[in-house]
């Protein structure tokens, strides 16, 4: 993939990791590492764990960036 997809993947992983860490701290559940949010679980044969995490990260990253751009232009 291109550099844009990787940037959106990283931004999405940061957003998911931040939200997940806060939520799992409050709920006192097992936390995942940033690498697991970025690339999926290490020892999984599930297709979603291989490609789905990156797709979700890209969608969240693009949405987050659009919200930031909108808020910047609005205010």
PDB file of N, CA and C in Angstrom:
ATOM      1  N   UNK A   1       0.827  -1.190   0.000  1.00  0.00           N
ATOM      2  CA  UNK A   1       0.000   0.000   0.000  1.00  0.00           C
ATOM      3  C   UNK A   1       0.871   1.252   0.000  1.00  0.00           C
ATOM      4  N   UNK A   2       0.225   2.357  -0.190  1.00  0.00           N
ATOM      5  CA  UNK A   2       0.946   3.613  -0.249  1.00  0.00           C
ATOM      6  C   UNK A   2       1.198   4.215   1.123  1.00  0.00           C
ATOM      7  N   UNK A   3       1.905   5.307   1.095  1.00  0.00           N
ATOM      8  CA  UNK A   3       2.270   5.988   2.337  1.00  0.00           C
ATOM      9  C   UNK A   3       1.023   6.552   3.033  1.00  0.00           C
ATOM     10  N   UNK A   4       0.024   6.987   2.255  1.00  0.00           N
ATOM     11  CA  UNK A   4      -1.208   7.510   2.852  1.00  0.00           C
ATOM     12  C   UNK A   4      -1.946   6.460   3.652  1.00  0.00           C
ATOM     13  N   UNK A   5      -2.009   5.240   3.108  1.00  0.00           N
ATOM     14  CA  UNK A   5      -2.680   4.141   3.813  1.00  0.00           C
ATOM     15  C   UNK A   5      -1.948   3.814   5.107  1.00  0.00           C
ATOM     16  N   UNK A   6      -0.641   3.857   5.079  1.00  0.00           N
ATOM     17  CA  UNK A   6       0.140   3.574   6.291  1.00  0.00           C
ATOM     18  C   UNK A   6      -0.043   4.665   7.341  1.00  0.00           C
ATOM     19  N   UNK A   7      -0.145   5.911   6.892  1.00  0.00           N
ATOM     20  CA  UNK A   7      -0.376   7.020   7.827  1.00  0.00           C
ATOM     21  C   UNK A   7      -1.747   6.877   8.478  1.00  0.00           C
ATOM     22  N   UNK A   8      -2.783   6.580   7.666  1.00  0.00           N
ATOM     23  CA  UNK A   8      -4.126   6.376   8.220  1.00  0.00           C
ATOM     24  C   UNK A   8      -4.151   5.168   9.145  1.00  0.00           C
ATOM     25  N   UNK A   9      -3.420   4.119   8.798  1.00  0.00           N
ATOM     26  CA  UNK A   9      -3.324   2.930   9.645  1.00  0.00           C
ATOM     27  C   UNK A   9      -2.734   3.306  11.002  1.00  0.00           C
ATOM     28  N   UNK A  10      -1.676   4.099  10.999  1.00  0.00           N
ATOM     29  CA  UNK A  10      -1.029   4.497  12.246  1.00  0.00           C
ATOM     30  C   UNK A  10      -1.941   5.391  13.084  1.00  0.00           C
ATOM     31  N   UNK A  11      -2.572   6.381  12.453  1.00  0.00           N
ATOM     32  CA  UNK A  11      -3.472   7.284  13.179  1.00  0.00           C
ATOM     33  C   UNK A  11      -4.630   6.500  13.785  1.00  0.00           C
ATOM     34  N   UNK A  12      -5.212   5.596  13.009  1.00  0.00           N
ATOM     35  CA  UNK A  12      -6.307   4.769  13.505  1.00  0.00           C
ATOM     36  C   UNK A  12      -5.882   3.888  14.672  1.00  0.00           C
ATOM     37  N   UNK A  13      -4.671   3.334  14.587  1.00  0.00           N
ATOM     38  CA  UNK A  13      -4.161   2.492  15.678  1.00  0.00           C
ATOM     39  C   UNK A  13      -3.967   3.320  16.945  1.00  0.00           C
ATOM     40  N   UNK A  14      -3.481   4.549  16.802  1.00  0.00           N
ATOM     41  CA  UNK A  14      -3.297   5.425  17.965  1.00  0.00           C
ATOM     42  C   UNK A  14      -4.643   5.730  18.620  1.00  0.00           C
ATOM     43  N   UNK A  15      -5.650   6.034  17.810  1.00  0.00           N
ATOM     44  CA  UNK A  15      -6.980   6.332  18.346  1.00  0.00           C
ATOM     45  C   UNK A  15      -7.548   5.098  19.044  1.00  0.00           C
ATOM     46  N   UNK A  16      -7.472   3.931  18.389  1.00  0.00           N
ATOM     47  CA  UNK A  16      -7.998   2.694  18.983  1.00  0.00           C
ATOM     48  C   UNK A  16      -7.245   2.319  20.244  1.00  0.00           C
ATOM     49  N   UNK A  17      -5.922   2.457  20.244  1.00  0.00           N
ATOM     50  CA  UNK A  17      -5.115   2.106  21.410  1.00  0.00           C
ATOM     51  C   UNK A  17      -5.447   3.022  22.592  1.00  0.00           C
ATOM     52  N   UNK A  18      -5.580   4.328  22.325  1.00  0.00           N
ATOM     53  CA  UNK A  18      -5.916   5.282  23.383  1.00  0.00           C
ATOM     54  C   UNK A  18      -7.279   4.956  23.980  1.00  0.00           C
ATOM     55  N   UNK A  19      -8.271   4.787  23.124  1.00  0.00           N
ATOM     56  CA  UNK A  19      -9.618   4.462  23.602  1.00  0.00           C
ATOM     57  C   UNK A  19      -9.613   3.116  24.337  1.00  0.00           C
ATOM     58  N   UNK A  20      -8.977   2.117  23.749  1.00  0.00           N
ATOM     59  CA  UNK A  20      -8.938   0.793  24.360  1.00  0.00           C
ATOM     60  C   UNK A  20      -8.235   0.779  25.699  1.00  0.00           C
ATOM     61  N   UNK A  21      -7.147   1.519  25.812  1.00  0.00           N
ATOM     62  CA  UNK A  21      -6.410   1.569  27.075  1.00  0.00           C
ATOM     63  C   UNK A  21      -7.242   2.231  28.169  1.00  0.00           C
ATOM     64  N   UNK A  22      -7.899   3.330  27.838  1.00  0.00           N
ATOM     65  CA  UNK A  22      -8.740   4.014  28.822  1.00  0.00           C
ATOM     66  C   UNK A  22      -9.909   3.122  29.228  1.00  0.00           C
ATOM     67  N   UNK A  23     -10.588   2.542  28.239  1.00  0.00           N
ATOM     68  CA  UNK A  23     -11.751   1.714  28.535  1.00  0.00           C
ATOM     69  C   UNK A  23     -11.364   0.474  29.329  1.00  0.00           C
ATOM     70  N   UNK A  24     -10.293  -0.186  28.936  1.00  0.00           N
ATOM     71  CA  UNK A  24      -9.889  -1.413  29.627  1.00  0.00           C
ATOM     72  C   UNK A  24      -9.329  -1.125  31.018  1.00  0.00           C
ATOM     73  N   UNK A  25      -8.798   0.066  31.245  1.00  0.00           N
ATOM     74  CA  UNK A  25      -8.367   0.454  32.587  1.00  0.00           C
ATOM     75  C   UNK A  25      -9.584   0.631  33.492  1.00  0.00           C
ATOM     76  N   UNK A  26     -10.606   1.297  32.979  1.00  0.00           N
ATOM     77  CA  UNK A  26     -11.825   1.507  33.754  1.00  0.00           C
ATOM     78  C   UNK A  26     -12.507   0.170  34.044  1.00  0.00           C
ATOM     79  N   UNK A  27     -12.570  -0.703  33.033  1.00  0.00           N
ATOM     80  CA  UNK A  27     -13.247  -1.991  33.184  1.00  0.00           C
ATOM     81  C   UNK A  27     -12.361  -3.052  33.835  1.00  0.00           C
ATOM     82  N   UNK A  28     -11.108  -2.718  34.080  1.00  0.00           N
ATOM     83  CA  UNK A  28     -10.140  -3.638  34.688  1.00  0.00           C
ATOM     84  C   UNK A  28     -10.011  -4.936  33.898  1.00  0.00           C
ATOM     85  N   UNK A  29      -9.853  -4.771  32.586  1.00  0.00           N
ATOM     86  CA  UNK A  29      -9.667  -5.912  31.705  1.00  0.00           C
ATOM     87  C   UNK A  29      -8.235  -5.931  31.177  1.00  0.00           C
ATOM     88  N   UNK A  30      -7.867  -7.032  30.536  1.00  0.00           N
ATOM     89  CA  UNK A  30      -6.529  -7.166  29.961  1.00  0.00           C
ATOM     90  C   UNK A  30      -6.342  -6.136  28.842  1.00  0.00           C
ATOM     91  N   UNK A  31      -5.226  -5.436  28.881  1.00  0.00           N
ATOM     92  CA  UNK A  31      -4.916  -4.433  27.868  1.00  0.00           C
ATOM     93  C   UNK A  31      -4.108  -5.062  26.740  1.00  0.00           C
ATOM     94  N   UNK A  32      -4.282  -4.540  25.543  1.00  0.00           N
ATOM     95  CA  UNK A  32      -3.522  -4.980  24.384  1.00  0.00           C
ATOM     96  C   UNK A  32      -2.373  -4.017  24.135  1.00  0.00           C
ATOM     97  N   UNK A  33      -1.336  -4.496  23.495  1.00  0.00           N
ATOM     98  CA  UNK A  33      -0.197  -3.633  23.171  1.00  0.00           C
ATOM     99  C   UNK A  33      -0.524  -2.794  21.939  1.00  0.00           C
ATOM    100  N   UNK A  34       0.249  -1.734  21.754  1.00  0.00           N
ATOM    101  CA  UNK A  34       0.053  -0.892  20.573  1.00  0.00           C
ATOM    102  C   UNK A  34       0.287  -1.689  19.299  1.00  0.00           C
ATOM    103  N   UNK A  35       1.259  -2.575  19.315  1.00  0.00           N
ATOM    104  CA  UNK A  35       1.562  -3.389  18.131  1.00  0.00           C
ATOM    105  C   UNK A  35       0.368  -4.264  17.746  1.00  0.00           C
ATOM    106  N   UNK A  36      -0.371  -4.764  18.737  1.00  0.00           N
ATOM    107  CA  UNK A  36      -1.558  -5.563  18.445  1.00  0.00           C
ATOM    108  C   UNK A  36      -2.657  -4.718  17.812  1.00  0.00           C
ATOM    109  N   UNK A  37      -2.781  -3.468  18.223  1.00  0.00           N
ATOM    110  CA  UNK A  37      -3.752  -2.585  17.579  1.00  0.00           C
ATOM    111  C   UNK A  37      -3.307  -2.232  16.167  1.00  0.00           C
ATOM    112  N   UNK A  38      -2.017  -2.131  15.949  1.00  0.00           N
ATOM    113  CA  UNK A  38      -1.497  -1.746  14.637  1.00  0.00           C
ATOM    114  C   UNK A  38      -1.553  -2.891  13.636  1.00  0.00           C
ATOM    115  N   UNK A  39      -1.143  -4.075  14.020  1.00  0.00           N
ATOM    116  CA  UNK A  39      -1.035  -5.198  13.080  1.00  0.00           C
ATOM    117  C   UNK A  39      -1.896  -6.397  13.427  1.00  0.00           C
ATOM    118  N   UNK A  40      -2.630  -6.370  14.536  1.00  0.00           N
ATOM    119  CA  UNK A  40      -3.442  -7.512  14.952  1.00  0.00           C
ATOM    120  C   UNK A  40      -2.664  -8.404  15.903  1.00  0.00           C
ATOM    121  N   UNK A  41      -3.342  -9.381  16.502  1.00  0.00           N
ATOM    122  CA  UNK A  41      -2.689 -10.302  17.438  1.00  0.00           C
ATOM    123  C   UNK A  41      -1.566 -11.093  16.768  1.00  0.00           C
ATOM    124  N   UNK A  42      -0.576 -11.460  17.544  1.00  0.00           N
ATOM    125  CA  UNK A  42       0.605 -12.139  17.005  1.00  0.00           C
ATOM    126  C   UNK A  42       0.321 -13.563  16.546  1.00  0.00           C
ATOM    127  N   UNK A  43      -0.347 -14.355  17.345  1.00  0.00           N
ATOM    128  CA  UNK A  43      -0.513 -15.783  17.077  1.00  0.00           C
ATOM    129  C   UNK A  43      -1.923 -16.125  16.625  1.00  0.00           C
ATOM    130  N   UNK A  44      -2.395 -15.493  15.577  1.00  0.00           N
ATOM    131  CA  UNK A  44      -3.754 -15.734  15.120  1.00  0.00           C
ATOM    132  C   UNK A  44      -3.745 -16.115  13.641  1.00  0.00           C
ATOM    133  N   UNK A  45      -4.603 -17.065  13.291  1.00  0.00           N
ATOM    134  CA  UNK A  45      -4.770 -17.466  11.891  1.00  0.00           C
ATOM    135  C   UNK A  45      -6.040 -16.878  11.295  1.00  0.00           C
ATOM    136  N   UNK A  46      -6.753 -16.075  12.062  1.00  0.00           N
ATOM    137  CA  UNK A  46      -8.005 -15.480  11.619  1.00  0.00           C
ATOM    138  C   UNK A  46      -7.716 -14.397  10.576  1.00  0.00           C
ATOM    139  N   UNK A  47      -8.511 -14.385   9.479  1.00  0.00           N
ATOM    140  CA  UNK A  47      -8.314 -13.398   8.424  1.00  0.00           C
ATOM    141  C   UNK A  47      -8.482 -11.989   8.960  1.00  0.00           C
ATOM    142  N   UNK A  48      -9.487 -11.766   9.805  1.00  0.00           N
ATOM    143  CA  UNK A  48      -9.719 -10.417  10.319  1.00  0.00           C
ATOM    144  C   UNK A  48      -8.523  -9.910  11.100  1.00  0.00           C
ATOM    145  N   UNK A  49      -7.901 -10.777  11.854  1.00  0.00           N
ATOM    146  CA  UNK A  49      -6.728 -10.361  12.615  1.00  0.00           C
ATOM    147  C   UNK A  49      -5.570  -9.999  11.695  1.00  0.00           C
ATOM    148  N   UNK A  50      -5.534 -10.570  10.514  1.00  0.00           N
ATOM    149  CA  UNK A  50      -4.449 -10.275   9.574  1.00  0.00           C
ATOM    150  C   UNK A  50      -4.707  -8.987   8.792  1.00  0.00           C
ATOM    151  N   UNK A  51      -5.872  -8.859   8.176  1.00  0.00           N
ATOM    152  CA  UNK A  51      -6.144  -7.717   7.303  1.00  0.00           C
ATOM    153  C   UNK A  51      -7.191  -6.763   7.868  1.00  0.00           C
ATOM    154  N   UNK A  52      -8.074  -7.274   8.696  1.00  0.00           N
ATOM    155  CA  UNK A  52      -9.176  -6.452   9.190  1.00  0.00           C
ATOM    156  C   UNK A  52      -8.754  -5.320  10.095  1.00  0.00           C
ATOM    157  N   UNK A  53      -7.777  -5.563  10.952  1.00  0.00           N
ATOM    158  CA  UNK A  53      -7.324  -4.508  11.863  1.00  0.00           C
ATOM    159  C   UNK A  53      -6.770  -3.318  11.092  1.00  0.00           C
ATOM    160  N   UNK A  54      -5.995  -3.592  10.057  1.00  0.00           N
ATOM    161  CA  UNK A  54      -5.444  -2.485   9.272  1.00  0.00           C
ATOM    162  C   UNK A  54      -6.546  -1.730   8.541  1.00  0.00           C
ATOM    163  N   UNK A  55      -7.571  -2.440   8.046  1.00  0.00           N
ATOM    164  CA  UNK A  55      -8.678  -1.775   7.359  1.00  0.00           C
ATOM    165  C   UNK A  55      -9.466  -0.887   8.318  1.00  0.00           C
ATOM    166  N   UNK A  56      -9.751  -1.408   9.501  1.00  0.00           N
ATOM    167  CA  UNK A  56     -10.473  -0.618  10.513  1.00  0.00           C
ATOM    168  C   UNK A  56      -9.633   0.590  10.921  1.00  0.00           C
ATOM    169  N   UNK A  57      -8.338   0.390  11.101  1.00  0.00           N
ATOM    170  CA  UNK A  57      -7.453   1.509  11.450  1.00  0.00           C
ATOM    171  C   UNK A  57      -7.489   2.592  10.390  1.00  0.00           C
ATOM    172  N   UNK A  58      -7.467   2.196   9.121  1.00  0.00           N
ATOM    173  CA  UNK A  58      -7.478   3.189   8.032  1.00  0.00           C
ATOM    174  C   UNK A  58      -8.781   3.978   8.013  1.00  0.00           C
ATOM    175  N   UNK A  59      -9.897   3.295   8.241  1.00  0.00           N
ATOM    176  CA  UNK A  59     -11.191   3.980   8.262  1.00  0.00           C
ATOM    177  C   UNK A  59     -11.253   4.949   9.441  1.00  0.00           C
ATOM    178  N   UNK A  60     -10.852   4.499  10.611  1.00  0.00           N
ATOM    179  CA  UNK A  60     -10.854   5.363  11.795  1.00  0.00           C
ATOM    180  C   UNK A  60      -9.865   6.515  11.612  1.00  0.00           C
ATOM    181  N   UNK A  61      -8.703   6.235  11.061  1.00  0.00           N
ATOM    182  CA  UNK A  61      -7.700   7.277  10.827  1.00  0.00           C
ATOM    183  C   UNK A  61      -8.195   8.344   9.876  1.00  0.00           C
ATOM    184  N   UNK A  62      -8.839   7.927   8.779  1.00  0.00           N
ATOM    185  CA  UNK A  62      -9.378   8.894   7.819  1.00  0.00           C
ATOM    186  C   UNK A  62     -10.496   9.715   8.454  1.00  0.00           C
ATOM    187  N   UNK A  63     -11.383   9.055   9.200  1.00  0.00           N
ATOM    188  CA  UNK A  63     -12.469   9.778   9.871  1.00  0.00           C
ATOM    189  C   UNK A  63     -11.953  10.763  10.906  1.00  0.00           C
ATOM    190  N   UNK A  64     -10.968  10.334  11.684  1.00  0.00           N
ATOM    191  CA  UNK A  64     -10.387  11.209  12.701  1.00  0.00           C
ATOM    192  C   UNK A  64      -9.729  12.425  12.049  1.00  0.00           C
ATOM    193  N   UNK A  65      -9.014  12.199  10.959  1.00  0.00           N
ATOM    194  CA  UNK A  65      -8.366  13.310  10.263  1.00  0.00           C
ATOM    195  C   UNK A  65      -9.397  14.277   9.677  1.00  0.00           C
ATOM    196  N   UNK A  66     -10.502  13.748   9.156  1.00  0.00           N
ATOM    197  CA  UNK A  66     -11.559  14.620   8.624  1.00  0.00           C
ATOM    198  C   UNK A  66     -12.184  15.455   9.737  1.00  0.00           C
ATOM    199  N   UNK A  67     -12.379  14.863  10.898  1.00  0.00           N
ATOM    200  CA  UNK A  67     -12.938  15.602  12.039  1.00  0.00           C
ATOM    201  C   UNK A  67     -11.983  16.709  12.465  1.00  0.00           C
ATOM    202  N   UNK A  68     -10.688  16.406  12.523  1.00  0.00           N
ATOM    203  CA  UNK A  68      -9.692  17.419  12.895  1.00  0.00           C
ATOM    204  C   UNK A  68      -9.679  18.557  11.875  1.00  0.00           C
ATOM    205  N   UNK A  69      -9.719  18.227  10.590  1.00  0.00           N
ATOM    206  CA  UNK A  69      -9.729  19.257   9.542  1.00  0.00           C
ATOM    207  C   UNK A  69     -11.005  20.102   9.651  1.00  0.00           C
ATOM    208  N   UNK A  70     -12.133  19.465   9.865  1.00  0.00           N
ATOM    209  CA  UNK A  70     -13.397  20.197   9.998  1.00  0.00           C
ATOM    210  C   UNK A  70     -13.344  21.152  11.193  1.00  0.00           C
ATOM    211  N   UNK A  71     -12.893  20.652  12.330  1.00  0.00           N
ATOM    212  CA  UNK A  71     -12.816  21.499  13.532  1.00  0.00           C
ATOM    213  C   UNK A  71     -11.829  22.645  13.345  1.00  0.00           C
ATOM    214  N   UNK A  72     -10.742  22.381  12.638  1.00  0.00           N
ATOM    215  CA  UNK A  72      -9.755  23.429  12.385  1.00  0.00           C
ATOM    216  C   UNK A  72     -10.344  24.515  11.480  1.00  0.00           C
ATOM    217  N   UNK A  73     -11.089  24.122  10.469  1.00  0.00           N
ATOM    218  CA  UNK A  73     -11.684  25.096   9.564  1.00  0.00           C
ATOM    219  C   UNK A  73     -12.854  25.824  10.216  1.00  0.00           C
ATOM    220  N   UNK A  74     -13.566  25.153  11.092  1.00  0.00           N
ATOM    221  CA  UNK A  74     -14.740  25.737  11.746  1.00  0.00           C
ATOM    222  C   UNK A  74     -14.320  26.802  12.761  1.00  0.00           C
ATOM    223  N   UNK A  75     -13.256  26.541  13.514  1.00  0.00           N
ATOM    224  CA  UNK A  75     -12.854  27.462  14.570  1.00  0.00           C
ATOM    225  C   UNK A  75     -11.574  28.082  14.178  1.00  0.00           C
TER     226      UNK A  75
END
